[in-house]
Amino acid sequence: MRIILSRTDSIGDVVLTLPVAGVLKERLPGSTIIFIGRSYTRPVIEQCRFVDQFVDWDEIGSSRTKFALLRIFTKFPAEGPAAFLASLRADVIVHVFPVRELCKAAKMAGIPWRIGTSHRFFTWFTCNRLVHLSRRKSSLHEAQLNLKLLEPLGIRRDFSLQEIPGYYGLTSRASRSENYPGADGPKKGLFNLIIHPKSKGSAREWGLENFGKLIDLLPADRFNILVTGTAAEGERMKDFLHRHRDRITDLTGRLSLGELIALISRSDGFVSASTGPLHLAAALGIRAVGLYAPMRPIFPQRWAPLGEQASFLVLNKKCDACRHSGDCTCIRSITPAEVLSRLIK
């Protein structure tokens, strides 16, 4: 079978979709897995040994010229994205997170089995295999919800959080093939710890003050501390980075996603709020410690990092008072000493 998986959102979402490819390869040996994603998540998807082909949705959605040629010389559908999807000759498409235009294109392309959730109005008209689940109201983990979409293919069992990491298909060995720039990276003989203070607005944050206290607690003779983030995040953390310059290596804005994956695979630990890089660290098998707010739907029950050495910290209380504020006192109440204890343990 030729099966398309569609997940065109962020890094963490993509990482937690990769087990779908792993389960399909196990249950349907010999199948070809095609993953439709965004340009910036390509390095993650291409590191997965269970994915046979990456398709860039950004390119499909914007390019029209080559589709015009397909229309002239073939019987492919008239619309550009639909023409490209038809050229993939897929038997199944699983809209892990449905996108209206992509669902419409898959139907126009004539893909026989089109699987989606029933909780989107447009999927009732574009998909012919609907799975009844509500992500927002569910108590299942995001990775478990993704796997529920395989039920129309006869894969109907529940997967435990402990077994899902075995289906990621991301390995440190594969990631180490990526060249890492410069000498400012992991050091032999030390615990190489990446801290990722910012989240690009995707999560409640622990706060620079807490990260600063954690840095002060980490013994200099045991820990090599690396700080990652985008260039814009590095600019916002300028004072913090300068204040701790003698204890950290500032890598903000210096790494491509492929290089970040390589850095994580060479490191020993990772600390951040609920971010894509945290899920990458968990999937790559290093000690990933996630910091969470106890608030549905962003709580760890839905978004905890899943990995053999992954764990999380969360305050045991309801966090509804922080729901309409980006400054969450609940996540900030997790102490740096608790994080240090988790790392050492």
C-alpha atoms as a PDB file:
ATOM      1  CA  MET A   1       0.000   0.000   0.000  1.00  0.00           C
ATOM      2  CA  ARG A   2       1.040   3.589  -0.576  1.00  0.00           C
ATOM      3  CA  ILE A   3      -0.011   5.651   2.437  1.00  0.00           C
ATOM      4  CA  ILE A   4       0.205   9.423   2.884  1.00  0.00           C
ATOM      5  CA  LEU A   5       0.432  10.934   6.368  1.00  0.00           C
ATOM      6  CA  SER A   6      -0.437  14.616   6.511  1.00  0.00           C
ATOM      7  CA  ARG A   7       0.734  16.757   9.435  1.00  0.00           C
ATOM      8  CA  THR A   8       1.572  20.292   8.355  1.00  0.00           C
ATOM      9  CA  ASP A   9       2.009  22.037  11.707  1.00  0.00           C
ATOM     10  CA  SER A  10       4.926  22.403  14.131  1.00  0.00           C
ATOM     11  CA  ILE A  11       7.941  20.330  15.195  1.00  0.00           C
ATOM     12  CA  GLY A  12       6.424  18.785  18.320  1.00  0.00           C
ATOM     13  CA  ASP A  13       3.254  17.803  16.454  1.00  0.00           C
ATOM     14  CA  VAL A  14       5.334  16.143  13.743  1.00  0.00           C
ATOM     15  CA  VAL A  15       7.490  14.233  16.245  1.00  0.00           C
ATOM     16  CA  LEU A  16       4.381  12.852  17.941  1.00  0.00           C
ATOM     17  CA  THR A  17       3.025  11.776  14.529  1.00  0.00           C
ATOM     18  CA  LEU A  18       6.101   9.732  13.567  1.00  0.00           C
ATOM     19  CA  PRO A  19       4.918   6.690  15.600  1.00  0.00           C
ATOM     20  CA  VAL A  20       2.002   6.429  13.150  1.00  0.00           C
ATOM     21  CA  ALA A  21       4.554   5.664  10.430  1.00  0.00           C
ATOM     22  CA  GLY A  22       6.295   3.140  12.694  1.00  0.00           C
ATOM     23  CA  VAL A  23       3.075   1.285  13.484  1.00  0.00           C
ATOM     24  CA  LEU A  24       2.085   1.215   9.792  1.00  0.00           C
ATOM     25  CA  LYS A  25       5.444  -0.275   8.841  1.00  0.00           C
ATOM     26  CA  GLU A  26       4.996  -2.945  11.518  1.00  0.00           C
ATOM     27  CA  ARG A  27       1.394  -3.830  10.676  1.00  0.00           C
ATOM     28  CA  LEU A  28       1.609  -3.399   6.894  1.00  0.00           C
ATOM     29  CA  PRO A  29       5.085  -4.655   5.898  1.00  0.00           C
ATOM     30  CA  GLY A  30       6.196  -3.455   2.508  1.00  0.00           C
ATOM     31  CA  SER A  31       3.998  -0.379   2.562  1.00  0.00           C
ATOM     32  CA  THR A  32       5.354   2.954   1.328  1.00  0.00           C
ATOM     33  CA  ILE A  33       4.937   5.861   3.755  1.00  0.00           C
ATOM     34  CA  ILE A  34       4.795   9.379   2.321  1.00  0.00           C
ATOM     35  CA  PHE A  35       4.785  12.250   4.813  1.00  0.00           C
ATOM     36  CA  ILE A  36       3.372  15.656   3.868  1.00  0.00           C
ATOM     37  CA  GLY A  37       4.847  18.361   6.095  1.00  0.00           C
ATOM     38  CA  ARG A  38       6.144  21.924   6.086  1.00  0.00           C
ATOM     39  CA  SER A  39       9.561  23.020   4.827  1.00  0.00           C
ATOM     40  CA  TYR A  40      10.941  23.773   8.269  1.00  0.00           C
ATOM     41  CA  THR A  41      10.027  20.335   9.688  1.00  0.00           C
ATOM     42  CA  ARG A  42      11.676  18.472   6.812  1.00  0.00           C
ATOM     43  CA  PRO A  43      14.889  17.626   8.761  1.00  0.00           C
ATOM     44  CA  VAL A  44      12.804  15.873  11.438  1.00  0.00           C
ATOM     45  CA  ILE A  45      10.732  13.849   8.976  1.00  0.00           C
ATOM     46  CA  GLU A  46      13.740  12.846   6.880  1.00  0.00           C
ATOM     47  CA  GLN A  47      15.495  11.489   9.982  1.00  0.00           C
ATOM     48  CA  CYS A  48      12.680   8.962  10.520  1.00  0.00           C
ATOM     49  CA  ARG A  49      13.573   5.526   9.160  1.00  0.00           C
ATOM     50  CA  PHE A  50       9.884   4.664   8.790  1.00  0.00           C
ATOM     51  CA  VAL A  51       9.196   7.452   6.254  1.00  0.00           C
ATOM     52  CA  ASP A  52      10.045   6.692   2.630  1.00  0.00           C
ATOM     53  CA  GLN A  53       9.302  10.073   1.052  1.00  0.00           C
ATOM     54  CA  PHE A  54       8.876  13.647   2.246  1.00  0.00           C
ATOM     55  CA  VAL A  55       6.493  16.013   0.425  1.00  0.00           C
ATOM     56  CA  ASP A  56       6.739  19.742   1.082  1.00  0.00           C
ATOM     57  CA  TRP A  57       3.260  21.211   1.475  1.00  0.00           C
ATOM     58  CA  ASP A  58       4.653  24.756   1.261  1.00  0.00           C
ATOM     59  CA  GLU A  59       5.965  23.979  -2.212  1.00  0.00           C
ATOM     60  CA  ILE A  60       2.807  22.206  -3.353  1.00  0.00           C
ATOM     61  CA  GLY A  61       0.578  25.008  -2.161  1.00  0.00           C
ATOM     62  CA  SER A  62       2.563  27.757  -3.894  1.00  0.00           C
ATOM     63  CA  SER A  63       3.811  26.187  -7.131  1.00  0.00           C
ATOM     64  CA  ARG A  64       1.492  26.114 -10.141  1.00  0.00           C
ATOM     65  CA  THR A  65       3.695  25.808 -13.257  1.00  0.00           C
ATOM     66  CA  LYS A  66       4.557  22.126 -13.039  1.00  0.00           C
ATOM     67  CA  PHE A  67       0.937  21.282 -12.286  1.00  0.00           C
ATOM     68  CA  ALA A  68      -0.127  23.056 -15.472  1.00  0.00           C
ATOM     69  CA  LEU A  69       2.163  20.704 -17.428  1.00  0.00           C
ATOM     70  CA  LEU A  70       0.638  17.707 -15.631  1.00  0.00           C
ATOM     71  CA  ARG A  71      -2.802  18.866 -16.699  1.00  0.00           C
ATOM     72  CA  ILE A  72      -1.713  19.102 -20.339  1.00  0.00           C
ATOM     73  CA  PHE A  73       0.030  15.730 -20.647  1.00  0.00           C
ATOM     74  CA  THR A  74      -1.932  13.576 -18.195  1.00  0.00           C
ATOM     75  CA  LYS A  75      -5.413  12.985 -16.886  1.00  0.00           C
ATOM     76  CA  PHE A  76      -4.605  14.400 -13.462  1.00  0.00           C
ATOM     77  CA  PRO A  77      -7.150  16.708 -11.812  1.00  0.00           C
ATOM     78  CA  ALA A  78      -7.179  20.350 -12.816  1.00  0.00           C
ATOM     79  CA  GLU A  79      -6.153  21.884  -9.495  1.00  0.00           C
ATOM     80  CA  GLY A  80      -2.412  22.080  -8.710  1.00  0.00           C
ATOM     81  CA  PRO A  81      -2.185  20.352  -5.298  1.00  0.00           C
ATOM     82  CA  ALA A  82      -4.708  17.733  -6.424  1.00  0.00           C
ATOM     83  CA  ALA A  83      -2.601  17.011  -9.508  1.00  0.00           C
ATOM     84  CA  PHE A  84       0.469  16.458  -7.399  1.00  0.00           C
ATOM     85  CA  LEU A  85      -1.363  14.213  -4.941  1.00  0.00           C
ATOM     86  CA  ALA A  86      -2.720  12.196  -7.835  1.00  0.00           C
ATOM     87  CA  SER A  87       0.831  11.751  -9.138  1.00  0.00           C
ATOM     88  CA  LEU A  88       1.763  10.050  -5.842  1.00  0.00           C
ATOM     89  CA  ARG A  89      -0.753   7.287  -6.662  1.00  0.00           C
ATOM     90  CA  ALA A  90      -1.588   6.731  -3.001  1.00  0.00           C
ATOM     91  CA  ASP A  91      -4.116   4.192  -1.764  1.00  0.00           C
ATOM     92  CA  VAL A  92      -4.697   5.964   1.565  1.00  0.00           C
ATOM     93  CA  ILE A  93      -4.245   9.420   3.033  1.00  0.00           C
ATOM     94  CA  VAL A  94      -4.450   9.951   6.792  1.00  0.00           C
ATOM     95  CA  HIS A  95      -5.172  13.562   7.671  1.00  0.00           C
ATOM     96  CA  VAL A  96      -3.593  13.433  11.121  1.00  0.00           C
ATOM     97  CA  PHE A  97      -4.441  17.094  11.560  1.00  0.00           C
ATOM     98  CA  PRO A  98      -6.883  18.065   8.803  1.00  0.00           C
ATOM     99  CA  VAL A  99      -6.208  21.074   6.568  1.00  0.00           C
ATOM    100  CA  ARG A 100      -9.160  22.160   4.468  1.00  0.00           C
ATOM    101  CA  GLU A 101      -7.251  22.715   1.218  1.00  0.00           C
ATOM    102  CA  LEU A 102      -5.320  19.474   1.548  1.00  0.00           C
ATOM    103  CA  CYS A 103      -8.473  17.469   2.307  1.00  0.00           C
ATOM    104  CA  LYS A 104     -10.150  18.964  -0.755  1.00  0.00           C
ATOM    105  CA  ALA A 105      -7.122  18.222  -2.943  1.00  0.00           C
ATOM    106  CA  ALA A 106      -6.980  14.591  -1.766  1.00  0.00           C
ATOM    107  CA  LYS A 107     -10.617  14.103  -2.737  1.00  0.00           C
ATOM    108  CA  MET A 108     -10.084  15.711  -6.158  1.00  0.00           C
ATOM    109  CA  ALA A 109      -7.027  13.483  -6.643  1.00  0.00           C
ATOM    110  CA  GLY A 110      -9.240  10.431  -6.240  1.00  0.00           C
ATOM    111  CA  ILE A 111      -7.305   8.857  -3.359  1.00  0.00           C
ATOM    112  CA  PRO A 112      -9.524   5.858  -2.489  1.00  0.00           C
ATOM    113  CA  TRP A 113      -9.304   5.939   1.327  1.00  0.00           C
ATOM    114  CA  ARG A 114      -9.331   9.392   2.924  1.00  0.00           C
ATOM    115  CA  ILE A 115      -9.179   9.218   6.728  1.00  0.00           C
ATOM    116  CA  GLY A 116      -9.881  12.175   9.025  1.00  0.00           C
ATOM    117  CA  THR A 117     -11.516  13.126  12.294  1.00  0.00           C
ATOM    118  CA  SER A 118     -15.254  13.738  12.313  1.00  0.00           C
ATOM    119  CA  HIS A 119     -14.779  16.892  14.408  1.00  0.00           C
ATOM    120  CA  ARG A 120     -14.072  19.133  11.417  1.00  0.00           C
ATOM    121  CA  PHE A 121     -17.018  20.312   9.323  1.00  0.00           C
ATOM    122  CA  PHE A 122     -15.124  20.086   6.023  1.00  0.00           C
ATOM    123  CA  THR A 123     -13.968  16.490   6.596  1.00  0.00           C
ATOM    124  CA  TRP A 124     -17.576  15.298   6.278  1.00  0.00           C
ATOM    125  CA  PHE A 125     -17.449  16.366   2.610  1.00  0.00           C
ATOM    126  CA  THR A 126     -13.837  15.439   1.797  1.00  0.00           C
ATOM    127  CA  CYS A 127     -13.056  12.273   3.776  1.00  0.00           C
ATOM    128  CA  ASN A 128     -14.781   8.902   3.375  1.00  0.00           C
ATOM    129  CA  ARG A 129     -13.424   7.264   6.547  1.00  0.00           C
ATOM    130  CA  LEU A 130     -14.204   9.311   9.659  1.00  0.00           C
ATOM    131  CA  VAL A 131     -12.866   8.604  13.151  1.00  0.00           C
ATOM    132  CA  HIS A 132     -14.935  10.013  15.992  1.00  0.00           C
ATOM    133  CA  LEU A 133     -12.572  11.682  18.453  1.00  0.00           C
ATOM    134  CA  SER A 134     -12.222  15.095  20.062  1.00  0.00           C
ATOM    135  CA  ARG A 135      -8.656  16.117  20.824  1.00  0.00           C
ATOM    136  CA  ARG A 136      -9.611  19.028  23.041  1.00  0.00           C
ATOM    137  CA  LYS A 137     -11.838  16.974  25.340  1.00  0.00           C
ATOM    138  CA  SER A 138      -9.836  13.752  25.328  1.00  0.00           C
ATOM    139  CA  SER A 139      -7.696  12.505  28.218  1.00  0.00           C
ATOM    140  CA  LEU A 140      -5.410  10.630  25.824  1.00  0.00           C
ATOM    141  CA  HIS A 141      -1.916  11.769  24.889  1.00  0.00           C
ATOM    142  CA  GLU A 142      -1.471  13.480  21.517  1.00  0.00           C
ATOM    143  CA  ALA A 143       0.536  10.511  20.204  1.00  0.00           C
ATOM    144  CA  GLN A 144      -2.253   8.119  21.251  1.00  0.00           C
ATOM    145  CA  LEU A 145      -4.846  10.289  19.529  1.00  0.00           C
ATOM    146  CA  ASN A 146      -2.790  10.246  16.331  1.00  0.00           C
ATOM    147  CA  LEU A 147      -2.704   6.442  16.396  1.00  0.00           C
ATOM    148  CA  LYS A 148      -6.487   6.311  16.796  1.00  0.00           C
ATOM    149  CA  LEU A 149      -6.733   7.508  13.191  1.00  0.00           C
ATOM    150  CA  LEU A 150      -5.464   4.104  12.039  1.00  0.00           C
ATOM    151  CA  GLU A 151      -8.675   2.378  13.131  1.00  0.00           C
ATOM    152  CA  PRO A 152     -10.179   2.369   9.581  1.00  0.00           C
ATOM    153  CA  LEU A 153      -7.118   0.336   8.515  1.00  0.00           C
ATOM    154  CA  GLY A 154      -7.918  -2.332  11.102  1.00  0.00           C
ATOM    155  CA  ILE A 155      -5.401  -1.121  13.693  1.00  0.00           C
ATOM    156  CA  ARG A 156      -7.752  -0.754  16.624  1.00  0.00           C
ATOM    157  CA  ARG A 157      -5.771  -1.414  19.767  1.00  0.00           C
ATOM    158  CA  ASP A 158      -4.681   1.140  22.369  1.00  0.00           C
ATOM    159  CA  PHE A 159      -0.972   1.908  22.525  1.00  0.00           C
ATOM    160  CA  SER A 160       0.570   2.585  25.937  1.00  0.00           C
ATOM    161  CA  LEU A 161       2.789   5.597  26.564  1.00  0.00           C
ATOM    162  CA  GLN A 162       5.637   3.214  27.366  1.00  0.00           C
ATOM    163  CA  GLU A 163       5.600   1.455  23.980  1.00  0.00           C
ATOM    164  CA  ILE A 164       5.064   4.470  21.717  1.00  0.00           C
ATOM    165  CA  PRO A 165       8.743   5.632  21.829  1.00  0.00           C
ATOM    166  CA  GLY A 166       9.704   2.379  20.104  1.00  0.00           C
ATOM    167  CA  TYR A 167       7.880   3.591  16.995  1.00  0.00           C
ATOM    168  CA  TYR A 168       9.562   7.000  16.562  1.00  0.00           C
ATOM    169  CA  GLY A 169      12.201   5.782  14.134  1.00  0.00           C
ATOM    170  CA  LEU A 170      14.551   8.597  15.217  1.00  0.00           C
ATOM    171  CA  THR A 171      17.942   7.406  16.399  1.00  0.00           C
ATOM    172  CA  SER A 172      20.956   9.219  17.805  1.00  0.00           C
ATOM    173  CA  ARG A 173      23.147   7.230  15.446  1.00  0.00           C
ATOM    174  CA  ALA A 174      21.300   8.575  12.386  1.00  0.00           C
ATOM    175  CA  SER A 175      21.299  12.122  13.718  1.00  0.00           C
ATOM    176  CA  ARG A 176      25.042  12.109  14.376  1.00  0.00           C
ATOM    177  CA  SER A 177      25.629  12.005  10.621  1.00  0.00           C
ATOM    178  CA  GLU A 178      24.620  15.672  10.461  1.00  0.00           C
ATOM    179  CA  ASN A 179      27.650  17.939  10.637  1.00  0.00           C
ATOM    180  CA  TYR A 180      27.709  20.082  13.761  1.00  0.00           C
ATOM    181  CA  PRO A 181      29.337  23.509  13.206  1.00  0.00           C
ATOM    182  CA  GLY A 182      32.147  24.786  15.393  1.00  0.00           C
ATOM    183  CA  ALA A 183      33.662  23.618  18.653  1.00  0.00           C
ATOM    184  CA  ASP A 184      31.076  25.212  20.965  1.00  0.00           C
ATOM    185  CA  GLY A 185      29.176  22.058  21.713  1.00  0.00           C
ATOM    186  CA  PRO A 186      29.209  18.947  23.889  1.00  0.00           C
ATOM    187  CA  LYS A 187      32.348  18.280  25.951  1.00  0.00           C
ATOM    188  CA  LYS A 188      33.699  14.897  26.931  1.00  0.00           C
ATOM    189  CA  GLY A 189      33.664  14.037  30.605  1.00  0.00           C
ATOM    190  CA  LEU A 190      30.823  16.431  31.450  1.00  0.00           C
ATOM    191  CA  PHE A 191      27.036  16.151  31.519  1.00  0.00           C
ATOM    192  CA  ASN A 192      26.102  18.176  28.449  1.00  0.00           C
ATOM    193  CA  LEU A 193      22.834  19.913  29.275  1.00  0.00           C
ATOM    194  CA  ILE A 194      20.772  21.923  26.793  1.00  0.00           C
ATOM    195  CA  ILE A 195      18.404  24.492  28.243  1.00  0.00           C
ATOM    196  CA  HIS A 196      15.778  25.973  25.932  1.00  0.00           C
ATOM    197  CA  PRO A 197      14.155  28.831  27.887  1.00  0.00           C
ATOM    198  CA  LYS A 198      11.709  30.139  25.267  1.00  0.00           C
ATOM    199  CA  SER A 199       8.812  28.480  23.437  1.00  0.00           C
ATOM    200  CA  LYS A 200       7.880  30.861  20.568  1.00  0.00           C
ATOM    201  CA  GLY A 201       4.571  31.352  22.356  1.00  0.00           C
ATOM    202  CA  SER A 202       3.539  27.690  22.113  1.00  0.00           C
ATOM    203  CA  ALA A 203       3.577  27.054  25.877  1.00  0.00           C
ATOM    204  CA  ARG A 204       3.581  28.658  29.304  1.00  0.00           C
ATOM    205  CA  GLU A 205       7.217  29.334  30.169  1.00  0.00           C
ATOM    206  CA  TRP A 206       9.214  28.598  33.311  1.00  0.00           C
ATOM    207  CA  GLY A 207      10.899  32.005  33.260  1.00  0.00           C
ATOM    208  CA  LEU A 208      14.464  33.252  32.858  1.00  0.00           C
ATOM    209  CA  GLU A 209      14.791  33.838  36.594  1.00  0.00           C
ATOM    210  CA  ASN A 210      14.237  30.140  37.262  1.00  0.00           C
ATOM    211  CA  PHE A 211      16.640  29.103  34.511  1.00  0.00           C
ATOM    212  CA  GLY A 212      19.213  31.473  35.992  1.00  0.00           C
ATOM    213  CA  LYS A 213      18.840  29.868  39.425  1.00  0.00           C
ATOM    214  CA  LEU A 214      19.166  26.421  37.848  1.00  0.00           C
ATOM    215  CA  ILE A 215      22.424  27.461  36.166  1.00  0.00           C
ATOM    216  CA  ASP A 216      23.757  28.659  39.522  1.00  0.00           C
ATOM    217  CA  LEU A 217      22.859  25.307  41.114  1.00  0.00           C
ATOM    218  CA  LEU A 218      24.532  23.157  38.463  1.00  0.00           C
ATOM    219  CA  PRO A 219      28.107  22.229  39.525  1.00  0.00           C
ATOM    220  CA  ALA A 220      30.580  23.661  37.031  1.00  0.00           C
ATOM    221  CA  ASP A 221      32.801  20.585  37.284  1.00  0.00           C
ATOM    222  CA  ARG A 222      29.930  18.297  36.234  1.00  0.00           C
ATOM    223  CA  PHE A 223      27.756  20.236  33.783  1.00  0.00           C
ATOM    224  CA  ASN A 224      28.410  21.852  30.421  1.00  0.00           C
ATOM    225  CA  ILE A 225      25.440  24.146  29.741  1.00  0.00           C
ATOM    226  CA  LEU A 226      24.270  24.978  26.206  1.00  0.00           C
ATOM    227  CA  VAL A 227      21.480  27.486  25.541  1.00  0.00           C
ATOM    228  CA  THR A 228      19.406  27.108  22.368  1.00  0.00           C
ATOM    229  CA  GLY A 229      16.637  29.110  20.719  1.00  0.00           C
ATOM    230  CA  THR A 230      15.965  31.271  17.694  1.00  0.00           C
ATOM    231  CA  ALA A 231      17.855  34.462  16.926  1.00  0.00           C
ATOM    232  CA  ALA A 232      14.827  36.523  17.978  1.00  0.00           C
ATOM    233  CA  GLU A 233      14.643  34.629  21.278  1.00  0.00           C
ATOM    234  CA  GLY A 234      18.354  35.204  21.802  1.00  0.00           C
ATOM    235  CA  GLU A 235      17.817  38.941  21.377  1.00  0.00           C
ATOM    236  CA  ARG A 236      15.019  38.889  23.980  1.00  0.00           C
ATOM    237  CA  MET A 237      17.298  36.961  26.351  1.00  0.00           C
ATOM    238  CA  LYS A 238      20.291  39.228  25.765  1.00  0.00           C
ATOM    239  CA  ASP A 239      20.661  40.343  29.388  1.00  0.00           C
ATOM    240  CA  PHE A 240      20.164  36.805  30.692  1.00  0.00           C
ATOM    241  CA  LEU A 241      22.758  35.394  28.285  1.00  0.00           C
ATOM    242  CA  HIS A 242      25.256  38.116  29.177  1.00  0.00           C
ATOM    243  CA  ARG A 243      24.741  37.650  32.920  1.00  0.00           C
ATOM    244  CA  HIS A 244      25.533  33.928  32.716  1.00  0.00           C
ATOM    245  CA  ARG A 245      28.131  34.115  29.954  1.00  0.00           C
ATOM    246  CA  ASP A 246      30.831  32.489  32.103  1.00  0.00           C
ATOM    247  CA  ARG A 247      28.733  29.346  32.654  1.00  0.00           C
ATOM    248  CA  ILE A 248      26.946  28.840  29.347  1.00  0.00           C
ATOM    249  CA  THR A 249      27.530  28.521  25.638  1.00  0.00           C
ATOM    250  CA  ASP A 250      25.065  30.702  23.742  1.00  0.00           C
ATOM    251  CA  LEU A 251      23.867  28.886  20.610  1.00  0.00           C
ATOM    252  CA  THR A 252      20.726  30.954  20.015  1.00  0.00           C
ATOM    253  CA  GLY A 253      20.231  31.735  16.345  1.00  0.00           C
ATOM    254  CA  ARG A 254      23.282  29.708  15.317  1.00  0.00           C
ATOM    255  CA  LEU A 255      21.777  26.332  14.422  1.00  0.00           C
ATOM    256  CA  SER A 256      19.610  25.020  11.625  1.00  0.00           C
ATOM    257  CA  LEU A 257      17.022  22.448  12.649  1.00  0.00           C
ATOM    258  CA  GLY A 258      19.219  19.669  11.306  1.00  0.00           C
ATOM    259  CA  GLU A 259      22.133  20.965  13.351  1.00  0.00           C
ATOM    260  CA  LEU A 260      19.935  21.234  16.438  1.00  0.00           C
ATOM    261  CA  ILE A 261      18.921  17.581  16.011  1.00  0.00           C
ATOM    262  CA  ALA A 262      22.609  16.644  15.754  1.00  0.00           C
ATOM    263  CA  LEU A 263      23.435  18.683  18.871  1.00  0.00           C
ATOM    264  CA  ILE A 264      20.620  17.064  20.882  1.00  0.00           C
ATOM    265  CA  SER A 265      21.708  13.584  19.834  1.00  0.00           C
ATOM    266  CA  ARG A 266      25.231  14.322  21.122  1.00  0.00           C
ATOM    267  CA  SER A 267      24.051  15.749  24.437  1.00  0.00           C
ATOM    268  CA  ASP A 268      22.983  14.132  27.703  1.00  0.00           C
ATOM    269  CA  GLY A 269      20.038  16.210  28.894  1.00  0.00           C
ATOM    270  CA  PHE A 270      17.461  18.776  27.840  1.00  0.00           C
ATOM    271  CA  VAL A 271      15.246  21.090  29.914  1.00  0.00           C
ATOM    272  CA  SER A 272      12.437  23.263  28.586  1.00  0.00           C
ATOM    273  CA  ALA A 273       8.733  23.924  28.697  1.00  0.00           C
ATOM    274  CA  SER A 274       6.462  22.081  26.248  1.00  0.00           C
ATOM    275  CA  THR A 275       8.318  22.743  22.985  1.00  0.00           C
ATOM    276  CA  GLY A 276       9.136  20.907  19.769  1.00  0.00           C
ATOM    277  CA  PRO A 277      12.826  20.535  20.708  1.00  0.00           C
ATOM    278  CA  LEU A 278      11.765  18.901  24.007  1.00  0.00           C
ATOM    279  CA  HIS A 279       9.871  16.215  22.063  1.00  0.00           C
ATOM    280  CA  LEU A 280      12.883  15.799  19.773  1.00  0.00           C
ATOM    281  CA  ALA A 281      15.106  15.235  22.813  1.00  0.00           C
ATOM    282  CA  ALA A 282      12.678  12.658  24.198  1.00  0.00           C
ATOM    283  CA  ALA A 283      12.457  10.864  20.850  1.00  0.00           C
ATOM    284  CA  LEU A 284      16.249  10.786  20.540  1.00  0.00           C
ATOM    285  CA  GLY A 285      16.478   9.044  23.910  1.00  0.00           C
ATOM    286  CA  ILE A 286      18.324  11.593  26.034  1.00  0.00           C
ATOM    287  CA  ARG A 287      17.230  12.795  29.497  1.00  0.00           C
ATOM    288  CA  ALA A 288      14.450  15.201  28.590  1.00  0.00           C
ATOM    289  CA  VAL A 289      12.772  17.078  31.449  1.00  0.00           C
ATOM    290  CA  GLY A 290       9.615  18.960  30.509  1.00  0.00           C
ATOM    291  CA  LEU A 291       8.131  21.767  32.621  1.00  0.00           C
ATOM    292  CA  TYR A 292       4.337  22.063  32.415  1.00  0.00           C
ATOM    293  CA  ALA A 293       1.363  24.062  33.586  1.00  0.00           C
ATOM    294  CA  PRO A 294      -1.450  21.950  35.100  1.00  0.00           C
ATOM    295  CA  MET A 295      -4.001  23.272  32.625  1.00  0.00           C
ATOM    296  CA  ARG A 296      -6.107  21.409  30.065  1.00  0.00           C
ATOM    297  CA  PRO A 297      -5.407  21.013  27.135  1.00  0.00           C
ATOM    298  CA  ILE A 298      -1.722  21.998  27.507  1.00  0.00           C
ATOM    299  CA  PHE A 299      -1.152  19.746  30.529  1.00  0.00           C
ATOM    300  CA  PRO A 300       1.331  16.831  30.450  1.00  0.00           C
ATOM    301  CA  GLN A 301      -1.416  14.232  30.165  1.00  0.00           C
ATOM    302  CA  ARG A 302      -1.802  15.459  26.594  1.00  0.00           C
ATOM    303  CA  TRP A 303       1.677  16.760  25.738  1.00  0.00           C
ATOM    304  CA  ALA A 304       4.263  15.091  28.008  1.00  0.00           C
ATOM    305  CA  PRO A 305       7.560  14.140  26.335  1.00  0.00           C
ATOM    306  CA  LEU A 306       7.592  10.426  25.525  1.00  0.00           C
ATOM    307  CA  GLY A 307      10.926   8.643  25.647  1.00  0.00           C
ATOM    308  CA  GLU A 308      12.892   6.040  27.549  1.00  0.00           C
ATOM    309  CA  GLN A 309      14.571   8.772  29.607  1.00  0.00           C
ATOM    310  CA  ALA A 310      11.918  11.486  29.368  1.00  0.00           C
ATOM    311  CA  SER A 311       9.976  12.881  32.317  1.00  0.00           C
ATOM    312  CA  PHE A 312       8.122  16.017  33.350  1.00  0.00           C
ATOM    313  CA  LEU A 313       7.442  18.244  36.340  1.00  0.00           C
ATOM    314  CA  VAL A 314       4.081  19.847  37.025  1.00  0.00           C
ATOM    315  CA  LEU A 315       2.446  21.428  40.064  1.00  0.00           C
ATOM    316  CA  ASN A 316      -0.266  19.250  41.608  1.00  0.00           C
ATOM    317  CA  LYS A 317      -3.110  21.780  41.453  1.00  0.00           C
ATOM    318  CA  LYS A 318      -5.624  23.298  39.066  1.00  0.00           C
ATOM    319  CA  CYS A 319      -4.306  26.185  37.022  1.00  0.00           C
ATOM    320  CA  ASP A 320      -7.501  27.837  35.781  1.00  0.00           C
ATOM    321  CA  ALA A 321      -6.562  31.217  37.288  1.00  0.00           C
ATOM    322  CA  CYS A 322      -3.691  31.438  34.778  1.00  0.00           C
ATOM    323  CA  ARG A 323      -5.764  30.435  31.756  1.00  0.00           C
ATOM    324  CA  HIS A 324      -6.042  33.945  30.297  1.00  0.00           C
ATOM    325  CA  SER A 325      -2.510  35.012  31.219  1.00  0.00           C
ATOM    326  CA  GLY A 326       0.756  34.191  29.514  1.00  0.00           C
ATOM    327  CA  ASP A 327       2.480  34.549  32.880  1.00  0.00           C
ATOM    328  CA  CYS A 328       1.633  31.290  34.663  1.00  0.00           C
ATOM    329  CA  THR A 329       2.522  31.292  38.359  1.00  0.00           C
ATOM    330  CA  CYS A 330       1.884  27.542  38.520  1.00  0.00           C
ATOM    331  CA  ILE A 331       4.671  26.547  36.140  1.00  0.00           C
ATOM    332  CA  ARG A 332       6.951  29.153  37.706  1.00  0.00           C
ATOM    333  CA  SER A 333       6.376  27.503  41.094  1.00  0.00           C
ATOM    334  CA  ILE A 334       8.377  24.464  39.999  1.00  0.00           C
ATOM    335  CA  THR A 335      11.667  24.979  41.815  1.00  0.00           C
ATOM    336  CA  PRO A 336      15.128  24.847  40.218  1.00  0.00           C
ATOM    337  CA  ALA A 337      16.110  22.395  42.968  1.00  0.00           C
ATOM    338  CA  GLU A 338      13.391  20.002  41.729  1.00  0.00           C
ATOM    339  CA  VAL A 339      14.751  20.210  38.190  1.00  0.00           C
ATOM    340  CA  LEU A 340      18.322  19.573  39.400  1.00  0.00           C
ATOM    341  CA  SER A 341      17.141  16.603  41.442  1.00  0.00           C
ATOM    342  CA  ARG A 342      15.362  15.133  38.411  1.00  0.00           C
ATOM    343  CA  LEU A 343      18.467  15.549  36.230  1.00  0.00           C
ATOM    344  CA  ILE A 344      20.743  13.915  38.803  1.00  0.00           C
ATOM    345  CA  LYS A 345      18.270  11.107  39.469  1.00  0.00           C
END
